[in-house]
Every structure is written in structure tokens, then in C-alpha cells.
N, C-alpha and C. Protein backbone atom coordinates (compact mmCIF):
# COMPACT_ATOMS: atom_id res chain seq x y z
N MET A 1 128.10 30.42 27.57
CA MET A 1 128.32 31.49 28.51
C MET A 1 127.65 32.74 28.09
N SER A 2 127.96 33.02 26.81
CA SER A 2 127.56 34.20 26.14
C SER A 2 126.02 34.55 26.32
N LYS A 3 125.27 33.55 25.90
CA LYS A 3 123.79 33.68 26.04
C LYS A 3 123.25 33.88 27.54
N LYS A 4 123.92 33.07 28.39
CA LYS A 4 123.37 33.16 29.80
C LYS A 4 123.74 34.66 30.31
N TYR A 5 124.97 35.04 29.97
CA TYR A 5 125.46 36.44 30.36
C TYR A 5 124.47 37.46 29.83
N HIS A 6 124.26 37.29 28.47
CA HIS A 6 123.33 38.33 27.85
C HIS A 6 122.05 38.28 28.60
N ASN A 7 121.44 37.18 28.90
CA ASN A 7 120.00 37.10 29.61
C ASN A 7 120.07 37.85 30.84
N THR A 8 121.22 37.60 31.67
CA THR A 8 121.37 38.09 32.98
C THR A 8 121.41 39.63 32.87
N VAL A 9 122.20 40.15 31.89
CA VAL A 9 122.31 41.58 31.76
C VAL A 9 120.97 42.21 31.35
N TRP A 10 120.42 41.48 30.39
CA TRP A 10 119.11 42.06 29.91
C TRP A 10 117.99 42.11 31.06
N SER A 11 117.93 41.10 31.87
CA SER A 11 116.93 41.21 32.89
C SER A 11 117.34 42.23 33.96
N ASP A 12 118.67 42.49 34.13
CA ASP A 12 119.02 43.51 34.98
C ASP A 12 118.57 44.92 34.46
N ILE A 13 118.87 45.10 33.17
CA ILE A 13 118.51 46.33 32.58
C ILE A 13 117.05 46.42 32.53
N LYS A 14 116.19 45.39 32.33
CA LYS A 14 114.76 45.51 32.39
C LYS A 14 114.33 45.94 33.65
N ASN A 15 114.86 45.26 34.83
CA ASN A 15 114.52 45.53 36.30
C ASN A 15 114.78 47.21 36.54
N GLN A 16 115.94 47.53 36.06
CA GLN A 16 116.30 48.88 36.31
C GLN A 16 115.46 49.87 35.61
N SER A 17 115.08 49.63 34.49
CA SER A 17 114.10 50.39 33.70
C SER A 17 112.82 50.39 34.36
N GLU A 18 112.29 49.33 34.75
CA GLU A 18 111.00 49.20 35.40
C GLU A 18 110.99 50.12 36.76
N ILE A 19 112.14 50.01 37.57
CA ILE A 19 112.13 50.76 38.78
C ILE A 19 112.24 52.20 38.33
N PHE A 20 112.99 52.51 37.35
CA PHE A 20 113.13 53.92 36.90
C PHE A 20 111.77 54.48 36.46
N SER A 21 111.06 53.71 35.77
CA SER A 21 109.78 54.09 35.24
C SER A 21 108.78 54.36 36.37
N LYS A 22 108.87 53.48 37.32
CA LYS A 22 107.83 53.64 38.52
C LYS A 22 108.31 54.87 39.18
N ASN A 23 109.55 55.21 39.39
CA ASN A 23 109.95 56.36 40.19
C ASN A 23 109.51 57.64 39.41
N VAL A 24 109.76 57.55 38.05
CA VAL A 24 109.40 58.87 37.29
C VAL A 24 107.91 58.96 37.41
N PHE A 25 107.17 57.94 37.35
CA PHE A 25 105.65 58.03 37.34
C PHE A 25 105.28 58.61 38.66
N THR A 26 105.85 58.02 39.79
CA THR A 26 105.51 58.60 41.16
C THR A 26 105.83 60.07 41.21
N GLU A 27 106.90 60.49 40.69
CA GLU A 27 107.31 61.87 40.80
C GLU A 27 106.42 62.73 39.94
N LEU A 28 105.99 62.25 38.86
CA LEU A 28 105.10 62.97 38.00
C LEU A 28 103.75 63.15 38.68
N GLU A 29 103.25 62.11 39.30
CA GLU A 29 101.96 62.07 39.95
C GLU A 29 102.01 62.98 41.13
N GLN A 30 103.08 63.16 41.77
CA GLN A 30 103.18 64.13 42.91
C GLN A 30 103.22 65.49 42.34
N VAL A 31 103.93 65.74 41.34
CA VAL A 31 103.98 67.08 40.71
C VAL A 31 102.48 67.46 40.23
N ILE A 32 101.94 66.57 39.55
CA ILE A 32 100.55 66.88 38.96
C ILE A 32 99.56 67.14 40.19
N ASN A 33 99.61 66.26 41.20
CA ASN A 33 98.79 66.54 42.36
C ASN A 33 98.98 67.92 43.05
N ASN A 34 100.25 68.26 43.26
CA ASN A 34 100.70 69.45 43.83
C ASN A 34 100.24 70.59 42.91
N ASN A 35 100.27 70.42 41.58
CA ASN A 35 99.82 71.53 40.65
C ASN A 35 98.38 71.72 40.82
N PHE A 36 97.59 70.64 40.97
CA PHE A 36 96.16 70.72 41.05
C PHE A 36 95.74 71.38 42.29
N GLU A 37 96.45 70.95 43.41
CA GLU A 37 96.15 71.53 44.73
C GLU A 37 96.43 73.07 44.67
N ASP A 38 97.59 73.40 44.10
CA ASP A 38 97.96 74.93 44.05
C ASP A 38 96.87 75.75 43.29
N SER A 39 96.42 75.02 42.14
CA SER A 39 95.61 75.79 41.28
C SER A 39 94.09 75.93 41.54
N ASP A 40 93.73 75.34 42.78
CA ASP A 40 92.46 75.23 43.19
C ASP A 40 91.88 76.64 43.31
N ASP A 41 92.75 77.60 43.87
CA ASP A 41 92.37 78.96 44.06
C ASP A 41 91.93 79.60 42.77
N ASP A 42 92.61 79.29 41.72
CA ASP A 42 92.54 80.01 40.40
C ASP A 42 91.18 79.78 39.75
N TRP A 43 90.68 78.59 40.07
CA TRP A 43 89.35 78.21 39.29
C TRP A 43 88.18 78.96 39.77
């Protein structure tokens, strides 16, 4: 039971962190894109 339980928990954590990473990356991408758009006038 212990090992199976551990594997389940580990895969849940892995999935959660992958989703989290994607969300963070998407947010960062949007922020970067917005900054570039905003800074067009400055160049």
C-alpha cells in the first residue's frame, strides 16, 4: 500500500507542478508581450 500510495501522491504533485509551471509561463509571456507593446513608443 505504501508504495502505491506514494506513487499516486507523487504523480499528483508532478501534475500539479506541471500545470502550475504552464500557468506561470503563460502569465510571464503575457506580461512580457504587454511590456514590449507598451515600450514600442520609447524606441
